[in-house]
PDB file of N, CA and C in Angstrom:
ATOM      1  N   MET A   1       0.816  -1.198   0.000  1.00  0.00           N
ATOM      2  CA  MET A   1       0.000   0.000   0.000  1.00  0.00           C
ATOM      3  C   MET A   1       0.857   1.258   0.000  1.00  0.00           C
ATOM      4  N   THR A   2       1.959   1.255   0.747  1.00  0.00           N
ATOM      5  CA  THR A   2       2.751   2.471   0.858  1.00  0.00           C
ATOM      6  C   THR A   2       3.322   2.892  -0.486  1.00  0.00           C
ATOM      7  N   ARG A   3       3.865   1.952  -1.251  1.00  0.00           N
ATOM      8  CA  ARG A   3       4.419   2.309  -2.561  1.00  0.00           C
ATOM      9  C   ARG A   3       3.334   2.826  -3.493  1.00  0.00           C
ATOM     10  N   ARG A   4       2.195   2.174  -3.476  1.00  0.00           N
ATOM     11  CA  ARG A   4       1.101   2.622  -4.322  1.00  0.00           C
ATOM     12  C   ARG A   4       0.638   4.007  -3.909  1.00  0.00           C
ATOM     13  N   ALA A   5       0.532   4.240  -2.616  1.00  0.00           N
ATOM     14  CA  ALA A   5       0.094   5.547  -2.113  1.00  0.00           C
ATOM     15  C   ALA A   5       1.107   6.620  -2.481  1.00  0.00           C
ATOM     16  N   ASN A   6       2.394   6.318  -2.310  1.00  0.00           N
ATOM     17  CA  ASN A   6       3.428   7.289  -2.687  1.00  0.00           C
ATOM     18  C   ASN A   6       3.394   7.579  -4.180  1.00  0.00           C
ATOM     19  N   THR A   7       3.194   6.542  -4.987  1.00  0.00           N
ATOM     20  CA  THR A   7       3.109   6.716  -6.431  1.00  0.00           C
ATOM     21  C   THR A   7       1.903   7.560  -6.803  1.00  0.00           C
ATOM     22  N   ASP A   8       0.781   7.316  -6.143  1.00  0.00           N
ATOM     23  CA  ASP A   8      -0.425   8.100  -6.402  1.00  0.00           C
ATOM     24  C   ASP A   8      -0.182   9.571  -6.081  1.00  0.00           C
ATOM     25  N   ASP A   9       0.369   9.852  -4.905  1.00  0.00           N
ATOM     26  CA  ASP A   9       0.650  11.240  -4.527  1.00  0.00           C
ATOM     27  C   ASP A   9       1.636  11.894  -5.493  1.00  0.00           C
ATOM     28  N   ALA A  10       2.707  11.196  -5.835  1.00  0.00           N
ATOM     29  CA  ALA A  10       3.725  11.763  -6.720  1.00  0.00           C
ATOM     30  C   ALA A  10       3.151  12.068  -8.101  1.00  0.00           C
ATOM     31  N   THR A  11       2.332  11.166  -8.628  1.00  0.00           N
ATOM     32  CA  THR A  11       1.738  11.369  -9.946  1.00  0.00           C
ATOM     33  C   THR A  11       0.770  12.549  -9.933  1.00  0.00           C
ATOM     34  N   ARG A  12      -0.116  12.564  -8.933  1.00  0.00           N
ATOM     35  CA  ARG A  12      -1.085  13.666  -8.859  1.00  0.00           C
ATOM     36  C   ARG A  12      -0.394  15.004  -8.607  1.00  0.00           C
ATOM     37  N   LEU A  13       0.664  14.999  -7.805  1.00  0.00           N
ATOM     38  CA  LEU A  13       1.419  16.216  -7.523  1.00  0.00           C
ATOM     39  C   LEU A  13       2.109  16.730  -8.787  1.00  0.00           C
ATOM     40  N   ALA A  14       2.720  15.821  -9.549  1.00  0.00           N
ATOM     41  CA  ALA A  14       3.378  16.215 -10.801  1.00  0.00           C
ATOM     42  C   ALA A  14       2.376  16.766 -11.803  1.00  0.00           C
ATOM     43  N   LEU A  15       1.251  16.090 -11.956  1.00  0.00           N
ATOM     44  CA  LEU A  15       0.233  16.567 -12.901  1.00  0.00           C
ATOM     45  C   LEU A  15      -0.325  17.919 -12.479  1.00  0.00           C
ATOM     46  N   ASP A  16      -0.502  18.115 -11.173  1.00  0.00           N
ATOM     47  CA  ASP A  16      -0.988  19.398 -10.665  1.00  0.00           C
ATOM     48  C   ASP A  16       0.028  20.510 -10.950  1.00  0.00           C
ATOM     49  N   ALA A  17       1.310  20.224 -10.747  1.00  0.00           N
ATOM     50  CA  ALA A  17       2.347  21.223 -11.015  1.00  0.00           C
ATOM     51  C   ALA A  17       2.406  21.571 -12.504  1.00  0.00           C
ATOM     52  N   ILE A  18       2.276  20.569 -13.360  1.00  0.00           N
ATOM     53  CA  ILE A  18       2.263  20.817 -14.806  1.00  0.00           C
ATOM     54  C   ILE A  18       1.079  21.700 -15.181  1.00  0.00           C
ATOM     55  N   ARG A  19      -0.079  21.399 -14.616  1.00  0.00           N
ATOM     56  CA  ARG A  19      -1.271  22.206 -14.897  1.00  0.00           C
ATOM     57  C   ARG A  19      -1.077  23.638 -14.426  1.00  0.00           C
ATOM     58  N   ARG A  20      -0.561  23.803 -13.203  1.00  0.00           N
ATOM     59  CA  ARG A  20      -0.377  25.148 -12.655  1.00  0.00           C
ATOM     60  C   ARG A  20       0.708  25.931 -13.385  1.00  0.00           C
ATOM     61  N   ALA A  21       1.731  25.242 -13.914  1.00  0.00           N
ATOM     62  CA  ALA A  21       2.797  25.921 -14.660  1.00  0.00           C
ATOM     63  C   ALA A  21       2.226  26.565 -15.916  1.00  0.00           C
ATOM     64  N   GLY A  22       1.310  25.866 -16.557  1.00  0.00           N
ATOM     65  CA  GLY A  22       0.626  26.425 -17.717  1.00  0.00           C
ATOM     66  C   GLY A  22       1.441  26.468 -19.004  1.00  0.00           C
ATOM     67  N   VAL A  23       2.697  26.055 -18.950  1.00  0.00           N
ATOM     68  CA  VAL A  23       3.553  26.028 -20.142  1.00  0.00           C
ATOM     69  C   VAL A  23       4.395  24.763 -20.121  1.00  0.00           C
ATOM     70  N   LYS A  24       4.864  24.370 -21.291  1.00  0.00           N
ATOM     71  CA  LYS A  24       5.742  23.195 -21.390  1.00  0.00           C
ATOM     72  C   LYS A  24       7.182  23.643 -21.191  1.00  0.00           C
ATOM     73  N   ASP A  25       7.519  23.887 -19.930  1.00  0.00           N
ATOM     74  CA  ASP A  25       8.842  24.377 -19.586  1.00  0.00           C
ATOM     75  C   ASP A  25       9.270  23.748 -18.271  1.00  0.00           C
ATOM     76  N   ARG A  26      10.390  23.036 -18.294  1.00  0.00           N
ATOM     77  CA  ARG A  26      10.855  22.298 -17.109  1.00  0.00           C
ATOM     78  C   ARG A  26      10.986  23.191 -15.881  1.00  0.00           C
ATOM     79  N   GLU A  27      11.598  24.357 -16.025  1.00  0.00           N
ATOM     80  CA  GLU A  27      11.808  25.245 -14.876  1.00  0.00           C
ATOM     81  C   GLU A  27      10.487  25.790 -14.335  1.00  0.00           C
ATOM     82  N   ALA A  28       9.538  26.060 -15.208  1.00  0.00           N
ATOM     83  CA  ALA A  28       8.224  26.540 -14.760  1.00  0.00           C
ATOM     84  C   ALA A  28       7.490  25.452 -13.977  1.00  0.00           C
ATOM     85  N   VAL A  29       7.603  24.207 -14.431  1.00  0.00           N
ATOM     86  CA  VAL A  29       6.972  23.088 -13.726  1.00  0.00           C
ATOM     87  C   VAL A  29       7.648  22.877 -12.376  1.00  0.00           C
ATOM     88  N   ARG A  30       8.970  22.952 -12.344  1.00  0.00           N
ATOM     89  CA  ARG A  30       9.698  22.810 -11.081  1.00  0.00           C
ATOM     90  C   ARG A  30       9.301  23.902 -10.100  1.00  0.00           C
ATOM     91  N   ALA A  31       9.194  25.132 -10.574  1.00  0.00           N
ATOM     92  CA  ALA A  31       8.790  26.243  -9.708  1.00  0.00           C
ATOM     93  C   ALA A  31       7.375  26.025  -9.184  1.00  0.00           C
ATOM     94  N   ALA A  32       6.482  25.550 -10.036  1.00  0.00           N
ATOM     95  CA  ALA A  32       5.110  25.276  -9.605  1.00  0.00           C
ATOM     96  C   ALA A  32       5.083  24.158  -8.566  1.00  0.00           C
ATOM     97  N   LEU A  33       5.896  23.123  -8.781  1.00  0.00           N
ATOM     98  CA  LEU A  33       5.970  22.025  -7.822  1.00  0.00           C
ATOM     99  C   LEU A  33       6.434  22.531  -6.458  1.00  0.00           C
ATOM    100  N   PHE A  34       7.505  23.330  -6.441  1.00  0.00           N
ATOM    101  CA  PHE A  34       8.040  23.843  -5.184  1.00  0.00           C
ATOM    102  C   PHE A  34       7.114  24.872  -4.534  1.00  0.00           C
ATOM    103  N   ALA A  35       6.188  25.413  -5.290  1.00  0.00           N
ATOM    104  CA  ALA A  35       5.220  26.381  -4.750  1.00  0.00           C
ATOM    105  C   ALA A  35       3.955  25.694  -4.232  1.00  0.00           C
ATOM    106  N   THR A  36       3.926  24.373  -4.243  1.00  0.00           N
ATOM    107  CA  THR A  36       2.748  23.631  -3.808  1.00  0.00           C
ATOM    108  C   THR A  36       2.456  23.906  -2.340  1.00  0.00           C
ATOM    109  N   ARG A  37       1.209  24.246  -2.065  1.00  0.00           N
ATOM    110  CA  ARG A  37       0.751  24.499  -0.694  1.00  0.00           C
ATOM    111  C   ARG A  37      -0.596  23.824  -0.503  1.00  0.00           C
ATOM    112  N   GLY A  38      -0.752  23.121   0.605  1.00  0.00           N
ATOM    113  CA  GLY A  38      -2.041  22.519   0.951  1.00  0.00           C
ATOM    114  C   GLY A  38      -2.509  21.435   0.004  1.00  0.00           C
ATOM    115  N   PHE A  39      -1.600  20.607  -0.482  1.00  0.00           N
ATOM    116  CA  PHE A  39      -1.960  19.514  -1.391  1.00  0.00           C
ATOM    117  C   PHE A  39      -2.595  18.380  -0.586  1.00  0.00           C
ATOM    118  N   ASP A  40      -3.763  17.932  -1.004  1.00  0.00           N
ATOM    119  CA  ASP A  40      -4.449  16.831  -0.318  1.00  0.00           C
ATOM    120  C   ASP A  40      -3.970  15.503  -0.883  1.00  0.00           C
ATOM    121  N   GLY A  41      -3.062  14.861  -0.163  1.00  0.00           N
ATOM    122  CA  GLY A  41      -2.503  13.591  -0.591  1.00  0.00           C
ATOM    123  C   GLY A  41      -3.061  12.432   0.206  1.00  0.00           C
ATOM    124  N   VAL A  42      -2.641  11.247  -0.147  1.00  0.00           N
ATOM    125  CA  VAL A  42      -3.090  10.025   0.515  1.00  0.00           C
ATOM    126  C   VAL A  42      -2.737  10.054   1.999  1.00  0.00           C
ATOM    127  N   PHE A  43      -1.556  10.577   2.340  1.00  0.00           N
ATOM    128  CA  PHE A  43      -1.093  10.596   3.725  1.00  0.00           C
ATOM    129  C   PHE A  43      -1.492  11.856   4.477  1.00  0.00           C
ATOM    130  N   GLY A  44      -2.247  12.732   3.835  1.00  0.00           N
ATOM    131  CA  GLY A  44      -2.686  13.958   4.487  1.00  0.00           C
ATOM    132  C   GLY A  44      -2.372  15.181   3.644  1.00  0.00           C
ATOM    133  N   ARG A  45      -2.723  16.338   4.180  1.00  0.00           N
ATOM    134  CA  ARG A  45      -2.491  17.600   3.483  1.00  0.00           C
ATOM    135  C   ARG A  45      -1.048  18.039   3.743  1.00  0.00           C
ATOM    136  N   PHE A  46      -0.351  18.436   2.663  1.00  0.00           N
ATOM    137  CA  PHE A  46       1.038  18.858   2.815  1.00  0.00           C
ATOM    138  C   PHE A  46       1.394  19.921   1.802  1.00  0.00           C
ATOM    139  N   SER A  47       2.519  20.558   2.057  1.00  0.00           N
ATOM    140  CA  SER A  47       3.109  21.526   1.146  1.00  0.00           C
ATOM    141  C   SER A  47       4.483  21.012   0.755  1.00  0.00           C
ATOM    142  N   VAL A  48       5.119  21.695  -0.195  1.00  0.00           N
ATOM    143  CA  VAL A  48       6.474  21.341  -0.613  1.00  0.00           C
ATOM    144  C   VAL A  48       7.385  22.508  -0.227  1.00  0.00           C
ATOM    145  N   ASP A  49       8.492  22.200   0.462  1.00  0.00           N
ATOM    146  CA  ASP A  49       9.392  23.266   0.918  1.00  0.00           C
ATOM    147  C   ASP A  49      10.396  23.624  -0.184  1.00  0.00           C
ATOM    148  N   PRO A  50      11.215  24.650   0.027  1.00  0.00           N
ATOM    149  CA  PRO A  50      12.169  25.090  -1.006  1.00  0.00           C
ATOM    150  C   PRO A  50      13.188  24.032  -1.423  1.00  0.00           C
ATOM    151  N   ASN A  51      13.373  22.985  -0.609  1.00  0.00           N
ATOM    152  CA  ASN A  51      14.275  21.890  -0.978  1.00  0.00           C
ATOM    153  C   ASN A  51      13.573  20.800  -1.771  1.00  0.00           C
ATOM    154  N   GLY A  52      12.257  20.912  -1.936  1.00  0.00           N
ATOM    155  CA  GLY A  52      11.495  19.889  -2.642  1.00  0.00           C
ATOM    156  C   GLY A  52      10.966  18.796  -1.732  1.00  0.00           C
ATOM    157  N   ASP A  53      11.135  18.957  -0.415  1.00  0.00           N
ATOM    158  CA  ASP A  53      10.629  17.981   0.551  1.00  0.00           C
ATOM    159  C   ASP A  53       9.209  18.346   0.960  1.00  0.00           C
ATOM    160  N   THR A  54       8.424  17.338   1.324  1.00  0.00           N
ATOM    161  CA  THR A  54       7.078  17.623   1.814  1.00  0.00           C
ATOM    162  C   THR A  54       7.126  18.039   3.279  1.00  0.00           C
ATOM    163  N   THR A  55       6.055  18.649   3.736  1.00  0.00           N
ATOM    164  CA  THR A  55       5.965  19.075   5.126  1.00  0.00           C
ATOM    165  C   THR A  55       5.335  18.011   6.013  1.00  0.00           C
ATOM    166  N   LEU A  56       5.088  16.823   5.469  1.00  0.00           N
ATOM    167  CA  LEU A  56       4.525  15.749   6.288  1.00  0.00           C
ATOM    168  C   LEU A  56       5.484  15.408   7.424  1.00  0.00           C
ATOM    169  N   ALA A  57       4.940  15.280   8.621  1.00  0.00           N
ATOM    170  CA  ALA A  57       5.783  14.971   9.779  1.00  0.00           C
ATOM    171  C   ALA A  57       5.450  13.613  10.379  1.00  0.00           C
ATOM    172  N   VAL A  58       4.220  13.142  10.177  1.00  0.00           N
ATOM    173  CA  VAL A  58       3.792  11.872  10.764  1.00  0.00           C
ATOM    174  C   VAL A  58       2.984  11.100   9.735  1.00  0.00           C
ATOM    175  N   LEU A  59       3.307   9.820   9.577  1.00  0.00           N
ATOM    176  CA  LEU A  59       2.489   8.912   8.766  1.00  0.00           C
ATOM    177  C   LEU A  59       1.860   7.915   9.714  1.00  0.00           C
ATOM    178  N   ARG A  60       0.617   7.579   9.482  1.00  0.00           N
ATOM    179  CA  ARG A  60      -0.074   6.602  10.322  1.00  0.00           C
ATOM    180  C   ARG A  60      -0.397   5.395   9.460  1.00  0.00           C
ATOM    181  N   GLY A  61      -0.155   4.212  10.001  1.00  0.00           N
ATOM    182  CA  GLY A  61      -0.447   3.004   9.247  1.00  0.00           C
ATOM    183  C   GLY A  61      -1.000   1.913  10.128  1.00  0.00           C
ATOM    184  N   ARG A  62      -1.659   0.967   9.496  1.00  0.00           N
ATOM    185  CA  ARG A  62      -2.199  -0.191  10.199  1.00  0.00           C
ATOM    186  C   ARG A  62      -1.792  -1.426   9.438  1.00  0.00           C
ATOM    187  N   GLN A  63      -1.475  -2.461  10.159  1.00  0.00           N
ATOM    188  CA  GLN A  63      -1.079  -3.729   9.553  1.00  0.00           C
ATOM    189  C   GLN A  63      -2.203  -4.738   9.728  1.00  0.00           C
ATOM    190  N   VAL A  64      -2.402  -5.558   8.709  1.00  0.00           N
ATOM    191  CA  VAL A  64      -3.402  -6.621   8.791  1.00  0.00           C
ATOM    192  C   VAL A  64      -2.692  -7.912   9.165  1.00  0.00           C
ATOM    193  N   ARG A  65      -3.151  -8.523  10.238  1.00  0.00           N
ATOM    194  CA  ARG A  65      -2.622  -9.815  10.680  1.00  0.00           C
ATOM    195  C   ARG A  65      -3.808 -10.734  10.936  1.00  0.00           C
ATOM    196  N   GLY A  66      -3.780 -11.895  10.319  1.00  0.00           N
ATOM    197  CA  GLY A  66      -4.875 -12.835  10.505  1.00  0.00           C
ATOM    198  C   GLY A  66      -6.218 -12.302  10.038  1.00  0.00           C
ATOM    199  N   GLY A  67      -6.191 -11.446   9.019  1.00  0.00           N
ATOM    200  CA  GLY A  67      -7.438 -10.906   8.479  1.00  0.00           C
ATOM    201  C   GLY A  67      -8.024  -9.755   9.275  1.00  0.00           C
ATOM    202  N   ARG A  68      -7.295  -9.255  10.285  1.00  0.00           N
ATOM    203  CA  ARG A  68      -7.796  -8.158  11.114  1.00  0.00           C
ATOM    204  C   ARG A  68      -6.734  -7.071  11.245  1.00  0.00           C
ATOM    205  N   PHE A  69      -7.185  -5.827  11.410  1.00  0.00           N
ATOM    206  CA  PHE A  69      -6.243  -4.743  11.666  1.00  0.00           C
ATOM    207  C   PHE A  69      -5.601  -4.943  13.023  1.00  0.00           C
ATOM    208  N   ASP A  70      -4.307  -4.746  13.093  1.00  0.00           N
ATOM    209  CA  ASP A  70      -3.554  -4.942  14.329  1.00  0.00           C
ATOM    210  C   ASP A  70      -2.964  -3.604  14.770  1.00  0.00           C
ATOM    211  N   GLY A  71      -3.746  -2.817  15.471  1.00  0.00           N
ATOM    212  CA  GLY A  71      -3.279  -1.567  16.053  1.00  0.00           C
ATOM    213  C   GLY A  71      -2.926  -0.493  15.048  1.00  0.00           C
ATOM    214  N   ASP A  72      -2.568   0.656  15.579  1.00  0.00           N
ATOM    215  CA  ASP A  72      -2.115   1.800  14.788  1.00  0.00           C
ATOM    216  C   ASP A  72      -0.652   2.057  15.101  1.00  0.00           C
ATOM    217  N   GLU A  73       0.062   2.488  14.110  1.00  0.00           N
ATOM    218  CA  GLU A  73       1.453   2.857  14.320  1.00  0.00           C
ATOM    219  C   GLU A  73       1.720   4.186  13.646  1.00  0.00           C
ATOM    220  N   ASP A  74       2.409   5.061  14.345  1.00  0.00           N
ATOM    221  CA  ASP A  74       2.825   6.334  13.772  1.00  0.00           C
ATOM    222  C   ASP A  74       4.289   6.246  13.401  1.00  0.00           C
ATOM    223  N   LEU A  75       4.633   6.794  12.258  1.00  0.00           N
ATOM    224  CA  LEU A  75       6.011   6.905  11.841  1.00  0.00           C
ATOM    225  C   LEU A  75       6.313   8.393  11.817  1.00  0.00           C
ATOM    226  N   HIS A  76       7.151   8.835  12.744  1.00  0.00           N
ATOM    227  CA  HIS A  76       7.507  10.251  12.823  1.00  0.00           C
ATOM    228  C   HIS A  76       8.683  10.501  11.890  1.00  0.00           C
ATOM    229  N   LEU A  77       8.467  11.403  10.940  1.00  0.00           N
ATOM    230  CA  LEU A  77       9.475  11.691   9.929  1.00  0.00           C
ATOM    231  C   LEU A  77      10.321  12.875  10.363  1.00  0.00           C
ATOM    232  N   GLY A  78      11.564  12.847   9.987  1.00  0.00           N
ATOM    233  CA  GLY A  78      12.464  13.960  10.230  1.00  0.00           C
ATOM    234  C   GLY A  78      13.278  14.219   8.988  1.00  0.00           C
ATOM    235  N   ARG A  79      14.082  15.235   9.023  1.00  0.00           N
ATOM    236  CA  ARG A  79      14.906  15.560   7.856  1.00  0.00           C
ATOM    237  C   ARG A  79      16.030  14.555   7.673  1.00  0.00           C
ATOM    238  N   ASP A  80      16.500  13.930   8.736  1.00  0.00           N
ATOM    239  CA  ASP A  80      17.582  12.950   8.656  1.00  0.00           C
ATOM    240  C   ASP A  80      16.958  11.556   8.619  1.00  0.00           C
ATOM    241  N   LEU A  81      16.585  11.095   7.430  1.00  0.00           N
ATOM    242  CA  LEU A  81      15.856   9.843   7.294  1.00  0.00           C
ATOM    243  C   LEU A  81      16.775   8.623   7.196  1.00  0.00           C
ATOM    244  N   GLU A  82      18.080   8.805   7.257  1.00  0.00           N
ATOM    245  CA  GLU A  82      18.991   7.677   7.132  1.00  0.00           C
ATOM    246  C   GLU A  82      19.156   6.910   8.438  1.00  0.00           C
ATOM    247  N   HIS A  83      18.716   7.449   9.550  1.00  0.00           N
ATOM    248  CA  HIS A  83      18.920   6.807  10.852  1.00  0.00           C
ATOM    249  C   HIS A  83      17.652   6.200  11.364  1.00  0.00           C
TER     250      HIS A  83
END
């Protein structure tokens, strides 16, 4: 689900930036992408910062075990995602 959700958000975000750019120009599309504010994505509403990162701070997920949801888990995101 996570890969599909990320792909859905990325595709819709790219198409939205292309639409907002209004021209077939790579730099205009990039500027529109980085100007994204309040985008309603699968994981919640987010914006894109000047580095191209989203403002999402927490992802919530549930795992299915034995045909039933097994609790909720939060994944707290930070800028240093390698650790």
